[in-house]
Amino acid sequence: MGALGPSISALLLTYILKGKTKVKELLKEVLKWRVSIIWWIIGLYGWWFLCSILALFLNDTDISKISFSFLVSIINIPAIIFILQLPLMVGMFGEEVGWRGFALPRLLEKYNPIIVSFILAIPWLLWHSPLFVFNEWTGESSLGYFLLKYFLRILPLSIIFTWFFQRTKGSLLLIIILYKSFNLTFNAYKIALGLNEKNTELISNLSLISLWIIAVVITVYYLKTRNNKLSSLRLLP
């Protein structure tokens, strides 16, 4: 029930502010699947493809093993996401209806996508902060270090998710898939390649750097688009 908190809040607020019709419209976004095939490919395999590139930097990793694992995942990832990991999908449904389903569209009406991504990253971080009590998440880290490390991962993800949400015309289904495939990839990739502890830590650090590079590219794109719009407005009589 805890995982469903953002979803329940979003549905209740939508009902109070807009009525039953808007609640139905919000829920329909979870089933919005008619999106270009390229976004389905990115949602399902983008993270796995990124990890495969990062794994090439690991000295003791067999390239042929990476290729084999990547090809096998093309078949397995959709099945794992939709069938084997269904309970976790429910958890992410609970989050994403709140973050990207309810809050994101309303924030975008007032602020630019980068500011919105920063705003959403804060409650997203705080919502996950109780994970601190679980040793498998924090290890020997202090609360402050855990939250800082988590924020450094959540912030670029928030920017990426905002961009992906806009590009898929508000498909919560694909946002949920993108979220699930992210968790699946970075939790399972070390097992798929049999990585030792040192290389697991290395690929984790490389993935964090990659997330920030992607987020910076998206930020530049948004800034450039905004500047182009302002330039066009200045040319109007």
C-alpha atoms as a PDB file:
ATOM      1  CA  MET A   1       0.000   0.000   0.000  1.00  0.00           C
ATOM      2  CA  GLY A   2       2.914   2.334   0.675  1.00  0.00           C
ATOM      3  CA  ALA A   3       4.094   2.044  -2.906  1.00  0.00           C
ATOM      4  CA  LEU A   4       0.657   3.122  -4.107  1.00  0.00           C
ATOM      5  CA  GLY A   5       0.751   6.388  -2.141  1.00  0.00           C
ATOM      6  CA  PRO A   6       1.519   8.786  -5.033  1.00  0.00           C
ATOM      7  CA  SER A   7      -1.072   7.035  -7.200  1.00  0.00           C
ATOM      8  CA  ILE A   8      -3.819   7.193  -4.589  1.00  0.00           C
ATOM      9  CA  SER A   9      -3.019  10.850  -3.882  1.00  0.00           C
ATOM     10  CA  ALA A  10      -3.104  11.683  -7.608  1.00  0.00           C
ATOM     11  CA  LEU A  11      -6.462   9.984  -8.121  1.00  0.00           C
ATOM     12  CA  LEU A  12      -8.007  11.621  -5.060  1.00  0.00           C
ATOM     13  CA  LEU A  13      -6.759  15.089  -5.988  1.00  0.00           C
ATOM     14  CA  THR A  14      -7.892  14.673  -9.579  1.00  0.00           C
ATOM     15  CA  TYR A  15     -11.347  13.639  -8.395  1.00  0.00           C
ATOM     16  CA  ILE A  16     -11.581  16.581  -5.951  1.00  0.00           C
ATOM     17  CA  LEU A  17     -10.283  19.185  -8.415  1.00  0.00           C
ATOM     18  CA  LYS A  18     -11.659  17.945 -11.748  1.00  0.00           C
ATOM     19  CA  GLY A  19     -14.227  15.207 -11.113  1.00  0.00           C
ATOM     20  CA  LYS A  20     -14.715  11.585 -12.129  1.00  0.00           C
ATOM     21  CA  THR A  21     -14.227  12.180 -15.876  1.00  0.00           C
ATOM     22  CA  LYS A  22     -10.669  13.436 -15.383  1.00  0.00           C
ATOM     23  CA  VAL A  23      -9.886  10.438 -13.176  1.00  0.00           C
ATOM     24  CA  LYS A  24     -10.834   8.145 -16.046  1.00  0.00           C
ATOM     25  CA  GLU A  25      -8.701  10.191 -18.436  1.00  0.00           C
ATOM     26  CA  LEU A  26      -5.729   9.897 -16.091  1.00  0.00           C
ATOM     27  CA  LEU A  27      -6.101   6.128 -15.846  1.00  0.00           C
ATOM     28  CA  LYS A  28      -6.345   5.852 -19.633  1.00  0.00           C
ATOM     29  CA  GLU A  29      -2.810   7.248 -19.892  1.00  0.00           C
ATOM     30  CA  VAL A  30      -1.572   4.079 -18.184  1.00  0.00           C
ATOM     31  CA  LEU A  31      -2.865   2.104 -21.173  1.00  0.00           C
ATOM     32  CA  LYS A  32      -1.657   4.530 -23.833  1.00  0.00           C
ATOM     33  CA  TRP A  33       0.326   2.217 -26.115  1.00  0.00           C
ATOM     34  CA  ARG A  34      -0.085   3.827 -29.552  1.00  0.00           C
ATOM     35  CA  VAL A  35       3.310   5.466 -29.687  1.00  0.00           C
ATOM     36  CA  SER A  36       6.054   5.269 -32.307  1.00  0.00           C
ATOM     37  CA  ILE A  37       7.979   1.973 -32.219  1.00  0.00           C
ATOM     38  CA  ILE A  38      11.246   3.835 -31.569  1.00  0.00           C
ATOM     39  CA  TRP A  39      10.020   4.834 -28.091  1.00  0.00           C
ATOM     40  CA  TRP A  40       9.036   1.252 -27.330  1.00  0.00           C
ATOM     41  CA  ILE A  41      12.545   0.134 -28.277  1.00  0.00           C
ATOM     42  CA  ILE A  42      14.127   2.837 -26.111  1.00  0.00           C
ATOM     43  CA  GLY A  43      11.797   2.062 -23.215  1.00  0.00           C
ATOM     44  CA  LEU A  44      12.452  -1.673 -23.303  1.00  0.00           C
ATOM     45  CA  TYR A  45      16.108  -1.880 -24.344  1.00  0.00           C
ATOM     46  CA  GLY A  46      17.690   1.553 -23.985  1.00  0.00           C
ATOM     47  CA  TRP A  47      19.217   0.912 -20.554  1.00  0.00           C
ATOM     48  CA  TRP A  48      20.419  -2.579 -21.492  1.00  0.00           C
ATOM     49  CA  PHE A  49      22.072  -1.199 -24.615  1.00  0.00           C
ATOM     50  CA  LEU A  50      23.747   1.510 -22.508  1.00  0.00           C
ATOM     51  CA  CYS A  51      25.055  -1.084 -20.049  1.00  0.00           C
ATOM     52  CA  SER A  52      26.399  -3.192 -22.929  1.00  0.00           C
ATOM     53  CA  ILE A  53      28.425  -0.204 -24.135  1.00  0.00           C
ATOM     54  CA  LEU A  54      29.683   0.503 -20.613  1.00  0.00           C
ATOM     55  CA  ALA A  55      30.674  -3.146 -20.159  1.00  0.00           C
ATOM     56  CA  LEU A  56      33.175  -2.777 -23.010  1.00  0.00           C
ATOM     57  CA  PHE A  57      35.272  -0.649 -20.618  1.00  0.00           C
ATOM     58  CA  LEU A  58      35.644  -3.586 -18.215  1.00  0.00           C
ATOM     59  CA  ASN A  59      38.994  -5.277 -18.741  1.00  0.00           C
ATOM     60  CA  ASP A  60      37.978  -8.843 -17.917  1.00  0.00           C
ATOM     61  CA  THR A  61      34.655  -8.895 -19.786  1.00  0.00           C
ATOM     62  CA  ASP A  62      34.340 -11.109 -22.857  1.00  0.00           C
ATOM     63  CA  ILE A  63      32.819  -9.097 -25.741  1.00  0.00           C
ATOM     64  CA  SER A  64      31.182 -12.221 -27.179  1.00  0.00           C
ATOM     65  CA  LYS A  65      29.460 -12.758 -23.816  1.00  0.00           C
ATOM     66  CA  ILE A  66      28.135  -9.198 -23.909  1.00  0.00           C
ATOM     67  CA  SER A  67      26.783  -9.781 -27.413  1.00  0.00           C
ATOM     68  CA  PHE A  68      25.131 -13.050 -26.421  1.00  0.00           C
ATOM     69  CA  SER A  69      23.588 -11.546 -23.283  1.00  0.00           C
ATOM     70  CA  PHE A  70      22.316  -8.581 -25.274  1.00  0.00           C
ATOM     71  CA  LEU A  71      20.673 -10.795 -27.910  1.00  0.00           C
ATOM     72  CA  VAL A  72      19.073 -13.049 -25.307  1.00  0.00           C
ATOM     73  CA  SER A  73      17.695 -10.004 -23.481  1.00  0.00           C
ATOM     74  CA  ILE A  74      15.857  -8.873 -26.625  1.00  0.00           C
ATOM     75  CA  ILE A  75      13.586 -11.869 -26.096  1.00  0.00           C
ATOM     76  CA  ASN A  76      13.576 -11.950 -22.311  1.00  0.00           C
ATOM     77  CA  ILE A  77      13.204  -8.322 -21.186  1.00  0.00           C
ATOM     78  CA  PRO A  78       9.544  -7.840 -22.248  1.00  0.00           C
ATOM     79  CA  ALA A  79       8.573 -11.141 -20.618  1.00  0.00           C
ATOM     80  CA  ILE A  80      10.404 -10.280 -17.397  1.00  0.00           C
ATOM     81  CA  ILE A  81       8.857  -6.813 -17.238  1.00  0.00           C
ATOM     82  CA  PHE A  82       5.281  -7.850 -17.987  1.00  0.00           C
ATOM     83  CA  ILE A  83       5.102 -11.251 -16.287  1.00  0.00           C
ATOM     84  CA  LEU A  84       7.842 -12.159 -13.827  1.00  0.00           C
ATOM     85  CA  GLN A  85       8.149  -8.683 -12.293  1.00  0.00           C
ATOM     86  CA  LEU A  86       4.446  -7.814 -12.167  1.00  0.00           C
ATOM     87  CA  PRO A  87       4.446  -7.094  -8.400  1.00  0.00           C
ATOM     88  CA  LEU A  88       7.167  -4.476  -8.859  1.00  0.00           C
ATOM     89  CA  MET A  89       5.262  -3.030 -11.808  1.00  0.00           C
ATOM     90  CA  VAL A  90       2.402  -2.356  -9.400  1.00  0.00           C
ATOM     91  CA  GLY A  91       4.796  -0.406  -7.194  1.00  0.00           C
ATOM     92  CA  MET A  92       5.990   1.748 -10.070  1.00  0.00           C
ATOM     93  CA  PHE A  93       2.414   2.223 -11.249  1.00  0.00           C
ATOM     94  CA  GLY A  94       1.817   3.650  -7.790  1.00  0.00           C
ATOM     95  CA  GLU A  95       4.635   6.128  -8.219  1.00  0.00           C
ATOM     96  CA  GLU A  96       4.295   7.194 -11.825  1.00  0.00           C
ATOM     97  CA  VAL A  97       0.601   8.039 -11.818  1.00  0.00           C
ATOM     98  CA  GLY A  98       1.530  10.557  -9.148  1.00  0.00           C
ATOM     99  CA  TRP A  99       4.846  11.927 -10.416  1.00  0.00           C
ATOM    100  CA  ARG A 100       4.439  11.872 -14.191  1.00  0.00           C
ATOM    101  CA  GLY A 101       0.678  11.346 -14.444  1.00  0.00           C
ATOM    102  CA  PHE A 102      -0.619  14.060 -12.112  1.00  0.00           C
ATOM    103  CA  ALA A 103       2.218  16.409 -11.104  1.00  0.00           C
ATOM    104  CA  LEU A 104       4.315  16.666 -14.265  1.00  0.00           C
ATOM    105  CA  PRO A 105       1.638  17.958 -16.709  1.00  0.00           C
ATOM    106  CA  ARG A 106       0.479  20.587 -14.209  1.00  0.00           C
ATOM    107  CA  LEU A 107       4.002  21.784 -13.460  1.00  0.00           C
ATOM    108  CA  LEU A 108       4.772  22.033 -17.181  1.00  0.00           C
ATOM    109  CA  GLU A 109       1.937  24.536 -17.502  1.00  0.00           C
ATOM    110  CA  LYS A 110       3.889  26.961 -15.265  1.00  0.00           C
ATOM    111  CA  TYR A 111       7.585  26.107 -15.576  1.00  0.00           C
ATOM    112  CA  ASN A 112      10.080  24.905 -18.156  1.00  0.00           C
ATOM    113  CA  PRO A 113      10.911  21.160 -18.277  1.00  0.00           C
ATOM    114  CA  ILE A 114      14.285  21.490 -16.519  1.00  0.00           C
ATOM    115  CA  ILE A 115      12.839  23.404 -13.544  1.00  0.00           C
ATOM    116  CA  VAL A 116       9.991  20.900 -13.395  1.00  0.00           C
ATOM    117  CA  SER A 117      12.450  18.006 -13.321  1.00  0.00           C
ATOM    118  CA  PHE A 118      14.274  19.585 -10.373  1.00  0.00           C
ATOM    119  CA  ILE A 119      10.996  20.139  -8.519  1.00  0.00           C
ATOM    120  CA  LEU A 120       9.832  16.551  -9.037  1.00  0.00           C
ATOM    121  CA  ALA A 121      13.190  15.081  -8.031  1.00  0.00           C
ATOM    122  CA  ILE A 122      12.746  16.337  -4.444  1.00  0.00           C
ATOM    123  CA  PRO A 123       9.507  14.504  -3.473  1.00  0.00           C
ATOM    124  CA  TRP A 124      10.696  11.522  -5.526  1.00  0.00           C
ATOM    125  CA  LEU A 125      13.846  11.412  -3.365  1.00  0.00           C
ATOM    126  CA  LEU A 126      11.980  11.911  -0.091  1.00  0.00           C
ATOM    127  CA  TRP A 127       9.498   9.211  -1.042  1.00  0.00           C
ATOM    128  CA  HIS A 128      12.373   6.713  -1.329  1.00  0.00           C
ATOM    129  CA  SER A 129      14.237   7.914   1.775  1.00  0.00           C
ATOM    130  CA  PRO A 130      12.691   5.207   4.053  1.00  0.00           C
ATOM    131  CA  LEU A 131      14.808   2.708   2.064  1.00  0.00           C
ATOM    132  CA  PHE A 132      17.603   3.877   4.345  1.00  0.00           C
ATOM    133  CA  VAL A 133      16.456   1.365   6.958  1.00  0.00           C
ATOM    134  CA  PHE A 134      17.286  -1.545   4.606  1.00  0.00           C
ATOM    135  CA  ASN A 135      20.956  -2.562   4.646  1.00  0.00           C
ATOM    136  CA  GLU A 136      20.823  -4.015   1.135  1.00  0.00           C
ATOM    137  CA  TRP A 137      20.135  -0.488  -0.143  1.00  0.00           C
ATOM    138  CA  THR A 138      22.536   1.526   1.998  1.00  0.00           C
ATOM    139  CA  GLY A 139      25.252  -0.846   3.155  1.00  0.00           C
ATOM    140  CA  GLU A 140      27.341   1.074   5.682  1.00  0.00           C
ATOM    141  CA  SER A 141      26.344   4.514   4.361  1.00  0.00           C
ATOM    142  CA  SER A 142      25.040   7.271   6.610  1.00  0.00           C
ATOM    143  CA  LEU A 143      21.621   8.773   5.914  1.00  0.00           C
ATOM    144  CA  GLY A 144      23.152  11.953   4.452  1.00  0.00           C
ATOM    145  CA  TYR A 145      25.481  10.073   2.104  1.00  0.00           C
ATOM    146  CA  PHE A 146      22.701   7.712   1.019  1.00  0.00           C
ATOM    147  CA  LEU A 147      20.333  10.594   0.195  1.00  0.00           C
ATOM    148  CA  LEU A 148      23.057  12.508  -1.657  1.00  0.00           C
ATOM    149  CA  LYS A 149      24.011   9.471  -3.747  1.00  0.00           C
ATOM    150  CA  TYR A 150      20.347   8.724  -4.453  1.00  0.00           C
ATOM    151  CA  PHE A 151      19.669  12.347  -5.410  1.00  0.00           C
ATOM    152  CA  LEU A 152      22.605  12.330  -7.844  1.00  0.00           C
ATOM    153  CA  ARG A 153      20.904   9.421  -9.610  1.00  0.00           C
ATOM    154  CA  ILE A 154      17.308  10.627  -9.334  1.00  0.00           C
ATOM    155  CA  LEU A 155      17.923  14.139 -10.680  1.00  0.00           C
ATOM    156  CA  PRO A 156      19.247  13.108 -14.135  1.00  0.00           C
ATOM    157  CA  LEU A 157      16.580  10.398 -14.262  1.00  0.00           C
ATOM    158  CA  SER A 158      13.924  13.033 -13.580  1.00  0.00           C
ATOM    159  CA  ILE A 159      15.192  15.093 -16.534  1.00  0.00           C
ATOM    160  CA  ILE A 160      15.280  12.011 -18.777  1.00  0.00           C
ATOM    161  CA  PHE A 161      11.781  10.933 -17.718  1.00  0.00           C
ATOM    162  CA  THR A 162      10.367  14.420 -18.362  1.00  0.00           C
ATOM    163  CA  TRP A 163      11.836  14.397 -21.866  1.00  0.00           C
ATOM    164  CA  PHE A 164      10.612  10.834 -22.517  1.00  0.00           C
ATOM    165  CA  PHE A 165       7.133  11.702 -21.229  1.00  0.00           C
ATOM    166  CA  GLN A 166       6.874  14.621 -23.629  1.00  0.00           C
ATOM    167  CA  ARG A 167       8.242  12.679 -26.586  1.00  0.00           C
ATOM    168  CA  THR A 168       5.744   9.841 -26.025  1.00  0.00           C
ATOM    169  CA  LYS A 169       2.845  12.324 -25.778  1.00  0.00           C
ATOM    170  CA  GLY A 170       2.204  11.540 -22.116  1.00  0.00           C
ATOM    171  CA  SER A 171       2.193   7.738 -22.219  1.00  0.00           C
ATOM    172  CA  LEU A 172       2.359   6.566 -18.609  1.00  0.00           C
ATOM    173  CA  LEU A 173       2.602   3.001 -19.867  1.00  0.00           C
ATOM    174  CA  LEU A 174       5.936   3.694 -21.530  1.00  0.00           C
ATOM    175  CA  ILE A 175       7.166   5.725 -18.558  1.00  0.00           C
ATOM    176  CA  ILE A 176       6.445   2.744 -16.304  1.00  0.00           C
ATOM    177  CA  ILE A 177       8.250   0.443 -18.751  1.00  0.00           C
ATOM    178  CA  LEU A 178      11.234   2.812 -18.947  1.00  0.00           C
ATOM    179  CA  TYR A 179      11.365   2.912 -15.137  1.00  0.00           C
ATOM    180  CA  LYS A 180      11.044  -0.855 -14.765  1.00  0.00           C
ATOM    181  CA  SER A 181      13.629  -1.619 -17.444  1.00  0.00           C
ATOM    182  CA  PHE A 182      16.045   0.747 -15.677  1.00  0.00           C
ATOM    183  CA  ASN A 183      15.728  -1.117 -12.377  1.00  0.00           C
ATOM    184  CA  LEU A 184      15.819  -4.476 -14.102  1.00  0.00           C
ATOM    185  CA  THR A 185      18.928  -3.656 -16.124  1.00  0.00           C
ATOM    186  CA  PHE A 186      21.083  -2.220 -13.372  1.00  0.00           C
ATOM    187  CA  ASN A 187      20.060  -4.955 -10.935  1.00  0.00           C
ATOM    188  CA  ALA A 188      20.478  -7.864 -13.343  1.00  0.00           C
ATOM    189  CA  TYR A 189      23.343  -6.876 -15.632  1.00  0.00           C
ATOM    190  CA  LYS A 190      26.068  -7.821 -13.158  1.00  0.00           C
ATOM    191  CA  ILE A 191      24.475 -11.265 -12.856  1.00  0.00           C
ATOM    192  CA  ALA A 192      24.117 -11.672 -16.616  1.00  0.00           C
ATOM    193  CA  LEU A 193      27.855 -11.045 -17.147  1.00  0.00           C
ATOM    194  CA  GLY A 194      29.043 -12.569 -13.891  1.00  0.00           C
ATOM    195  CA  LEU A 195      30.753  -9.340 -12.836  1.00  0.00           C
ATOM    196  CA  ASN A 196      32.900  -9.260  -9.715  1.00  0.00           C
ATOM    197  CA  GLU A 197      32.389  -6.668  -6.982  1.00  0.00           C
ATOM    198  CA  LYS A 198      35.019  -4.302  -8.395  1.00  0.00           C
ATOM    199  CA  ASN A 199      33.515  -4.253 -11.904  1.00  0.00           C
ATOM    200  CA  THR A 200      29.994  -4.029 -10.517  1.00  0.00           C
ATOM    201  CA  GLU A 201      31.013  -0.828  -8.713  1.00  0.00           C
ATOM    202  CA  LEU A 202      32.772   0.434 -11.847  1.00  0.00           C
ATOM    203  CA  ILE A 203      29.778  -0.103 -14.119  1.00  0.00           C
ATOM    204  CA  SER A 204      27.559   1.560 -11.498  1.00  0.00           C
ATOM    205  CA  ASN A 205      29.805   4.642 -11.495  1.00  0.00           C
ATOM    206  CA  LEU A 206      29.984   4.680 -15.293  1.00  0.00           C
ATOM    207  CA  SER A 207      26.207   4.442 -15.498  1.00  0.00           C
ATOM    208  CA  LEU A 208      25.835   7.451 -13.179  1.00  0.00           C
ATOM    209  CA  ILE A 209      28.207   9.472 -15.369  1.00  0.00           C
ATOM    210  CA  SER A 210      26.246   8.353 -18.448  1.00  0.00           C
ATOM    211  CA  LEU A 211      22.953   9.463 -16.885  1.00  0.00           C
ATOM    212  CA  TRP A 212      24.375  12.918 -16.272  1.00  0.00           C
ATOM    213  CA  ILE A 213      25.741  13.145 -19.825  1.00  0.00           C
ATOM    214  CA  ILE A 214      22.307  12.248 -21.214  1.00  0.00           C
ATOM    215  CA  ALA A 215      20.624  14.725 -18.844  1.00  0.00           C
ATOM    216  CA  VAL A 216      23.017  17.516 -19.881  1.00  0.00           C
ATOM    217  CA  VAL A 217      22.350  16.816 -23.578  1.00  0.00           C
ATOM    218  CA  ILE A 218      18.592  16.985 -22.934  1.00  0.00           C
ATOM    219  CA  THR A 219      19.046  20.206 -20.936  1.00  0.00           C
ATOM    220  CA  VAL A 220      20.978  21.787 -23.810  1.00  0.00           C
ATOM    221  CA  TYR A 221      18.227  20.669 -26.187  1.00  0.00           C
ATOM    222  CA  TYR A 222      15.554  22.288 -24.005  1.00  0.00           C
ATOM    223  CA  LEU A 223      17.548  25.508 -23.645  1.00  0.00           C
ATOM    224  CA  LYS A 224      18.209  25.682 -27.366  1.00  0.00           C
ATOM    225  CA  THR A 225      14.537  25.090 -28.153  1.00  0.00           C
ATOM    226  CA  ARG A 226      13.517  27.786 -25.673  1.00  0.00           C
ATOM    227  CA  ASN A 227      16.004  30.288 -27.114  1.00  0.00           C
ATOM    228  CA  ASN A 228      14.778  29.561 -30.634  1.00  0.00           C
ATOM    229  CA  LYS A 229      11.211  30.278 -29.540  1.00  0.00           C
ATOM    230  CA  LEU A 230      12.245  33.543 -27.901  1.00  0.00           C
ATOM    231  CA  SER A 231      14.138  34.563 -31.050  1.00  0.00           C
ATOM    232  CA  SER A 232      11.051  33.864 -33.147  1.00  0.00           C
ATOM    233  CA  LEU A 233       8.915  35.982 -30.817  1.00  0.00           C
ATOM    234  CA  ARG A 234      11.319  38.893 -31.101  1.00  0.00           C
ATOM    235  CA  LEU A 235      10.930  38.825 -34.881  1.00  0.00           C
ATOM    236  CA  LEU A 236       7.166  39.232 -34.654  1.00  0.00           C
ATOM    237  CA  PRO A 237       5.867  42.756 -35.476  1.00  0.00           C
END
